[in-house]
Amino acid sequence: MLREISGVRQIEGEPHRRWFSDEHFDLVIWDEGREIVGFQLCYDKSRGERALTWKAESGFTHNAVDDGEGRAGRYKASPILVADGSFDAGLVASRFLGHSGGLDSRSCDFIYLKLLEYPDA
């Protein structure tokens, strides 16, 4: 079940940031007052992690997470987002609901409905 992480670093000039995590998902929510202005849901953390990002001003992006491992003879690099293919919105939305017990209902409902709005969902 997603649980909120306390003491999340706030970046000056960016909206307020909240972070939730469990063994399957990481979720960052950006809000301004009571309005969610963006979120990033990272999923499949243990097997080919991907990230769906939604921002009010720019819409959706979907990426794979390159974890920086597997670079023979080199130190681990910082994880980065790289281009990725299709996104199964229905499957991820359903799994998200199953793990969303630690979120407030307003945030949970907002994110669930946004996942279902993903183009070609």
N, C-alpha and C. Protein backbone atom coordinates (compact mmCIF):
# COMPACT_ATOMS: atom_id res chain seq x y z
N MET A 1 0.84 -1.18 0.00
CA MET A 1 0.00 0.00 0.00
C MET A 1 0.89 1.25 0.00
N LEU A 2 0.54 2.20 -0.84
CA LEU A 2 1.29 3.44 -0.90
C LEU A 2 1.23 4.19 0.42
N ARG A 3 2.38 4.62 0.88
CA ARG A 3 2.47 5.40 2.12
C ARG A 3 3.24 6.68 1.82
N GLU A 4 2.81 7.77 2.46
CA GLU A 4 3.46 9.05 2.23
C GLU A 4 4.81 9.11 2.93
N ILE A 5 5.79 9.63 2.22
CA ILE A 5 7.14 9.83 2.74
C ILE A 5 7.19 11.23 3.34
N SER A 6 7.67 11.33 4.56
CA SER A 6 7.74 12.66 5.20
C SER A 6 9.08 13.31 4.89
N GLY A 7 9.13 14.62 5.03
CA GLY A 7 10.37 15.37 4.85
C GLY A 7 10.83 15.45 3.41
N VAL A 8 9.92 15.43 2.45
CA VAL A 8 10.27 15.48 1.03
C VAL A 8 10.87 16.85 0.70
N ARG A 9 11.99 16.81 -0.01
CA ARG A 9 12.66 18.06 -0.40
C ARG A 9 11.76 18.87 -1.32
N GLN A 10 11.62 20.14 -0.99
CA GLN A 10 10.85 21.07 -1.81
C GLN A 10 11.83 21.92 -2.61
N ILE A 11 11.51 22.15 -3.88
CA ILE A 11 12.39 22.91 -4.76
C ILE A 11 11.79 24.29 -4.98
N GLU A 12 12.57 25.30 -4.67
CA GLU A 12 12.10 26.68 -4.81
C GLU A 12 11.67 26.94 -6.25
N GLY A 13 10.51 27.57 -6.39
CA GLY A 13 9.98 27.89 -7.71
C GLY A 13 9.10 26.80 -8.31
N GLU A 14 9.07 25.62 -7.68
CA GLU A 14 8.20 24.54 -8.14
C GLU A 14 7.01 24.39 -7.20
N PRO A 15 5.93 23.80 -7.70
CA PRO A 15 4.79 23.54 -6.81
C PRO A 15 5.19 22.61 -5.66
N HIS A 16 4.39 22.63 -4.61
CA HIS A 16 4.59 21.76 -3.45
C HIS A 16 4.61 20.31 -3.91
N ARG A 17 5.51 19.52 -3.34
CA ARG A 17 5.71 18.13 -3.75
C ARG A 17 5.39 17.17 -2.61
N ARG A 18 4.62 16.12 -2.94
CA ARG A 18 4.35 15.02 -2.01
C ARG A 18 4.83 13.73 -2.66
N TRP A 19 5.33 12.78 -1.85
CA TRP A 19 5.87 11.54 -2.37
C TRP A 19 5.27 10.36 -1.60
N PHE A 20 4.80 9.36 -2.35
CA PHE A 20 4.23 8.14 -1.80
C PHE A 20 4.99 6.96 -2.41
N SER A 21 5.15 5.89 -1.65
CA SER A 21 5.92 4.76 -2.16
C SER A 21 5.45 3.44 -1.54
N ASP A 22 5.59 2.37 -2.30
CA ASP A 22 5.49 1.01 -1.80
C ASP A 22 6.36 0.13 -2.70
N GLU A 23 6.22 -1.19 -2.58
CA GLU A 23 7.11 -2.07 -3.33
C GLU A 23 6.83 -2.07 -4.83
N HIS A 24 5.67 -1.60 -5.27
CA HIS A 24 5.30 -1.62 -6.68
C HIS A 24 5.31 -0.24 -7.35
N PHE A 25 5.03 0.81 -6.57
CA PHE A 25 4.85 2.14 -7.13
C PHE A 25 5.66 3.19 -6.37
N ASP A 26 6.02 4.24 -7.09
CA ASP A 26 6.41 5.52 -6.50
C ASP A 26 5.49 6.55 -7.12
N LEU A 27 4.97 7.45 -6.32
CA LEU A 27 4.06 8.49 -6.81
C LEU A 27 4.51 9.82 -6.24
N VAL A 28 4.74 10.77 -7.13
CA VAL A 28 5.02 12.15 -6.73
C VAL A 28 3.83 12.99 -7.20
N ILE A 29 3.30 13.80 -6.30
CA ILE A 29 2.19 14.70 -6.63
C ILE A 29 2.67 16.12 -6.42
N TRP A 30 2.46 16.96 -7.43
CA TRP A 30 2.73 18.40 -7.29
C TRP A 30 1.39 19.10 -7.15
N ASP A 31 1.27 19.95 -6.11
CA ASP A 31 0.02 20.67 -5.92
C ASP A 31 0.28 22.13 -5.59
N GLU A 32 -0.74 22.91 -5.89
CA GLU A 32 -0.75 24.34 -5.54
C GLU A 32 -2.03 24.55 -4.76
N GLY A 33 -1.88 24.73 -3.46
CA GLY A 33 -3.06 24.79 -2.60
C GLY A 33 -3.72 23.42 -2.60
N ARG A 34 -4.99 23.37 -2.94
CA ARG A 34 -5.71 22.08 -2.99
C ARG A 34 -5.80 21.54 -4.40
N GLU A 35 -5.17 22.19 -5.36
CA GLU A 35 -5.26 21.76 -6.76
C GLU A 35 -4.03 20.96 -7.18
N ILE A 36 -4.24 19.75 -7.69
CA ILE A 36 -3.14 18.95 -8.22
C ILE A 36 -2.79 19.49 -9.60
N VAL A 37 -1.52 19.86 -9.78
CA VAL A 37 -1.07 20.42 -11.05
C VAL A 37 -0.16 19.46 -11.80
N GLY A 38 0.15 18.32 -11.19
CA GLY A 38 0.96 17.32 -11.87
C GLY A 38 1.19 16.11 -10.98
N PHE A 39 1.54 15.00 -11.63
CA PHE A 39 1.95 13.81 -10.87
C PHE A 39 2.84 12.95 -11.75
N GLN A 40 3.64 12.13 -11.10
CA GLN A 40 4.44 11.12 -11.80
C GLN A 40 4.24 9.80 -11.06
N LEU A 41 3.75 8.81 -11.79
CA LEU A 41 3.52 7.48 -11.24
C LEU A 41 4.54 6.53 -11.86
N CYS A 42 5.46 6.04 -11.04
CA CYS A 42 6.44 5.05 -11.49
C CYS A 42 5.89 3.69 -11.10
N TYR A 43 5.91 2.75 -12.04
CA TYR A 43 5.32 1.44 -11.80
C TYR A 43 6.24 0.34 -12.34
N ASP A 44 5.92 -0.91 -12.02
CA ASP A 44 6.77 -2.06 -12.36
C ASP A 44 8.19 -1.86 -11.86
N LYS A 45 8.31 -1.42 -10.63
CA LYS A 45 9.62 -1.08 -10.06
C LYS A 45 10.58 -2.26 -10.06
N SER A 46 10.08 -3.47 -9.91
CA SER A 46 10.99 -4.61 -9.80
C SER A 46 11.32 -5.27 -11.14
N ARG A 47 10.64 -4.85 -12.21
CA ARG A 47 10.88 -5.50 -13.50
C ARG A 47 10.63 -4.55 -14.67
N GLY A 48 11.59 -3.71 -14.94
CA GLY A 48 11.45 -2.79 -16.07
C GLY A 48 10.64 -1.56 -15.73
N GLU A 49 11.09 -0.81 -14.76
CA GLU A 49 10.34 0.35 -14.26
C GLU A 49 10.03 1.35 -15.37
N ARG A 50 8.81 1.89 -15.29
CA ARG A 50 8.34 2.91 -16.22
C ARG A 50 7.72 4.05 -15.42
N ALA A 51 7.57 5.20 -16.08
CA ALA A 51 7.02 6.37 -15.41
C ALA A 51 6.01 7.06 -16.31
N LEU A 52 4.82 7.30 -15.78
CA LEU A 52 3.82 8.11 -16.47
C LEU A 52 3.77 9.44 -15.73
N THR A 53 3.96 10.50 -16.48
CA THR A 53 3.93 11.85 -15.90
C THR A 53 2.79 12.62 -16.54
N TRP A 54 2.03 13.34 -15.72
CA TRP A 54 1.00 14.24 -16.21
C TRP A 54 1.23 15.60 -15.56
N LYS A 55 1.23 16.64 -16.40
CA LYS A 55 1.31 18.02 -15.90
C LYS A 55 0.20 18.82 -16.56
N ALA A 56 -0.44 19.68 -15.77
CA ALA A 56 -1.58 20.45 -16.26
C ALA A 56 -1.23 21.24 -17.51
N GLU A 57 -0.02 21.80 -17.57
CA GLU A 57 0.33 22.67 -18.70
C GLU A 57 0.79 21.91 -19.94
N SER A 58 1.16 20.63 -19.79
CA SER A 58 1.73 19.93 -20.96
C SER A 58 1.13 18.55 -21.22
N GLY A 59 0.31 18.02 -20.33
CA GLY A 59 -0.32 16.73 -20.55
C GLY A 59 0.57 15.56 -20.15
N PHE A 60 0.44 14.45 -20.88
CA PHE A 60 1.07 13.19 -20.52
C PHE A 60 2.41 12.97 -21.22
N THR A 61 3.31 12.28 -20.52
CA THR A 61 4.50 11.66 -21.11
C THR A 61 4.64 10.28 -20.47
N HIS A 62 5.17 9.34 -21.24
CA HIS A 62 5.38 7.98 -20.74
C HIS A 62 6.82 7.58 -21.07
N ASN A 63 7.56 7.13 -20.07
CA ASN A 63 8.96 6.80 -20.24
C ASN A 63 9.32 5.51 -19.53
N ALA A 64 10.43 4.91 -19.97
CA ALA A 64 11.07 3.84 -19.20
C ALA A 64 12.09 4.51 -18.30
N VAL A 65 12.44 3.83 -17.21
CA VAL A 65 13.45 4.34 -16.29
C VAL A 65 14.72 3.53 -16.52
N ASP A 66 15.77 4.19 -16.99
CA ASP A 66 17.09 3.56 -17.10
C ASP A 66 17.73 3.72 -15.73
N ASP A 67 17.89 2.62 -15.02
CA ASP A 67 18.35 2.68 -13.63
C ASP A 67 19.84 2.93 -13.47
N GLY A 68 20.58 3.02 -14.57
CA GLY A 68 22.01 3.32 -14.49
C GLY A 68 22.87 2.11 -14.19
N GLU A 69 22.27 0.93 -14.09
CA GLU A 69 23.01 -0.31 -13.85
C GLU A 69 23.49 -0.88 -15.18
N GLY A 70 24.27 -1.94 -15.11
CA GLY A 70 24.66 -2.67 -16.31
C GLY A 70 25.67 -1.97 -17.19
N ARG A 71 26.48 -1.13 -16.61
CA ARG A 71 27.52 -0.43 -17.37
C ARG A 71 28.85 -1.07 -16.98
N ALA A 72 29.25 -2.10 -17.70
CA ALA A 72 30.44 -2.89 -17.34
C ALA A 72 31.65 -2.02 -17.09
N GLY A 73 32.29 -2.26 -15.95
CA GLY A 73 33.51 -1.53 -15.61
C GLY A 73 33.29 -0.10 -15.16
N ARG A 74 32.04 0.29 -14.94
CA ARG A 74 31.74 1.66 -14.53
C ARG A 74 30.89 1.66 -13.28
N TYR A 75 30.93 2.78 -12.57
CA TYR A 75 30.05 2.96 -11.41
C TYR A 75 28.61 3.12 -11.88
N LYS A 76 27.68 2.81 -10.99
CA LYS A 76 26.27 3.01 -11.29
C LYS A 76 26.01 4.48 -11.58
N ALA A 77 25.26 4.74 -12.64
CA ALA A 77 24.90 6.11 -13.01
C ALA A 77 23.56 6.48 -12.37
N SER A 78 23.22 7.74 -12.40
CA SER A 78 21.92 8.20 -11.91
C SER A 78 20.82 7.71 -12.84
N PRO A 79 19.69 7.32 -12.28
CA PRO A 79 18.56 6.92 -13.13
C PRO A 79 18.09 8.08 -14.00
N ILE A 80 17.68 7.76 -15.23
CA ILE A 80 17.14 8.78 -16.14
C ILE A 80 15.91 8.22 -16.85
N LEU A 81 15.06 9.11 -17.34
CA LEU A 81 13.90 8.71 -18.12
C LEU A 81 14.29 8.64 -19.59
N VAL A 82 13.87 7.56 -20.27
CA VAL A 82 14.15 7.37 -21.69
C VAL A 82 12.84 7.05 -22.40
N ALA A 83 12.80 7.25 -23.71
CA ALA A 83 11.59 7.01 -24.49
C ALA A 83 11.10 5.57 -24.29
N ASP A 84 9.78 5.41 -24.26
CA ASP A 84 9.20 4.09 -24.10
C ASP A 84 7.93 4.00 -24.92
N GLY A 85 7.48 2.80 -25.15
CA GLY A 85 6.33 2.55 -26.00
C GLY A 85 5.00 2.67 -25.30
N SER A 86 4.16 1.67 -25.48
CA SER A 86 2.77 1.73 -25.08
C SER A 86 2.57 1.71 -23.56
N PHE A 87 1.41 2.20 -23.17
CA PHE A 87 1.02 2.27 -21.77
C PHE A 87 -0.36 1.65 -21.63
N ASP A 88 -0.49 0.62 -20.80
CA ASP A 88 -1.77 -0.04 -20.57
C ASP A 88 -2.48 0.67 -19.42
N ALA A 89 -3.22 1.72 -19.77
CA ALA A 89 -3.84 2.59 -18.76
C ALA A 89 -4.80 1.81 -17.86
N GLY A 90 -5.62 0.94 -18.42
CA GLY A 90 -6.58 0.20 -17.61
C GLY A 90 -5.91 -0.70 -16.58
N LEU A 91 -4.87 -1.40 -17.00
CA LEU A 91 -4.16 -2.29 -16.09
C LEU A 91 -3.46 -1.51 -14.98
N VAL A 92 -2.74 -0.44 -15.35
CA VAL A 92 -2.02 0.35 -14.34
C VAL A 92 -3.00 1.05 -13.41
N ALA A 93 -4.11 1.56 -13.95
CA ALA A 93 -5.13 2.21 -13.11
C ALA A 93 -5.70 1.23 -12.09
N SER A 94 -5.99 0.01 -12.53
CA SER A 94 -6.53 -1.00 -11.63
C SER A 94 -5.53 -1.36 -10.53
N ARG A 95 -4.27 -1.55 -10.90
CA ARG A 95 -3.24 -1.85 -9.91
C ARG A 95 -3.04 -0.69 -8.95
N PHE A 96 -3.10 0.53 -9.49
CA PHE A 96 -2.96 1.72 -8.65
C PHE A 96 -4.05 1.74 -7.58
N LEU A 97 -5.29 1.46 -7.96
CA LEU A 97 -6.38 1.45 -6.98
C LEU A 97 -6.11 0.43 -5.88
N GLY A 98 -5.56 -0.70 -6.23
CA GLY A 98 -5.27 -1.72 -5.25
C GLY A 98 -4.18 -1.34 -4.25
N HIS A 99 -3.39 -0.32 -4.58
CA HIS A 99 -2.29 0.10 -3.72
C HIS A 99 -2.49 1.49 -3.13
N SER A 100 -3.63 2.12 -3.39
CA SER A 100 -3.81 3.54 -3.07
C SER A 100 -4.34 3.83 -1.68
N GLY A 101 -4.39 2.83 -0.81
CA GLY A 101 -4.98 3.00 0.52
C GLY A 101 -4.38 4.10 1.36
N GLY A 102 -3.13 4.48 1.13
CA GLY A 102 -2.49 5.51 1.93
C GLY A 102 -2.71 6.92 1.41
N LEU A 103 -3.43 7.06 0.30
CA LEU A 103 -3.70 8.39 -0.27
C LEU A 103 -5.04 8.91 0.21
N ASP A 104 -5.17 10.22 0.26
CA ASP A 104 -6.48 10.81 0.52
C ASP A 104 -7.37 10.53 -0.69
N SER A 105 -8.67 10.45 -0.47
CA SER A 105 -9.59 10.06 -1.55
C SER A 105 -9.59 11.06 -2.70
N ARG A 106 -9.42 12.34 -2.43
CA ARG A 106 -9.41 13.34 -3.51
C ARG A 106 -8.25 13.11 -4.46
N SER A 107 -7.05 12.87 -3.92
CA SER A 107 -5.87 12.62 -4.75
C SER A 107 -6.00 11.29 -5.49
N CYS A 108 -6.48 10.28 -4.80
CA CYS A 108 -6.66 8.96 -5.41
C CYS A 108 -7.62 9.03 -6.59
N ASP A 109 -8.77 9.65 -6.39
CA ASP A 109 -9.77 9.76 -7.46
C ASP A 109 -9.22 10.55 -8.64
N PHE A 110 -8.53 11.66 -8.36
CA PHE A 110 -7.99 12.51 -9.42
C PHE A 110 -7.01 11.71 -10.28
N ILE A 111 -6.08 11.02 -9.64
CA ILE A 111 -5.04 10.29 -10.38
C ILE A 111 -5.65 9.12 -11.14
N TYR A 112 -6.54 8.38 -10.50
CA TYR A 112 -7.21 7.26 -11.17
C TYR A 112 -7.92 7.73 -12.45
N LEU A 113 -8.69 8.80 -12.35
CA LEU A 113 -9.42 9.30 -13.53
C LEU A 113 -8.46 9.82 -14.60
N LYS A 114 -7.36 10.46 -14.19
CA LYS A 114 -6.36 10.92 -15.16
C LYS A 114 -5.73 9.74 -15.89
N LEU A 115 -5.43 8.67 -15.15
CA LEU A 115 -4.86 7.48 -15.80
C LEU A 115 -5.78 6.97 -16.89
N LEU A 116 -7.07 6.98 -16.63
CA LEU A 116 -8.04 6.50 -17.61
C LEU A 116 -8.22 7.47 -18.78
N GLU A 117 -7.78 8.72 -18.63
CA GLU A 117 -7.84 9.70 -19.72
C GLU A 117 -6.67 9.59 -20.68
N TYR A 118 -5.68 8.75 -20.33
CA TYR A 118 -4.50 8.63 -21.18
C TYR A 118 -4.94 8.33 -22.61
N PRO A 119 -4.37 9.01 -23.60
CA PRO A 119 -4.76 8.77 -25.00
C PRO A 119 -4.66 7.29 -25.35
N ASP A 120 -5.65 6.79 -26.07
CA ASP A 120 -5.75 5.39 -26.49
C ASP A 120 -6.00 4.45 -25.32
N ALA A 121 -6.48 4.98 -24.18
CA ALA A 121 -6.77 4.11 -23.03
C ALA A 121 -7.97 3.22 -23.32
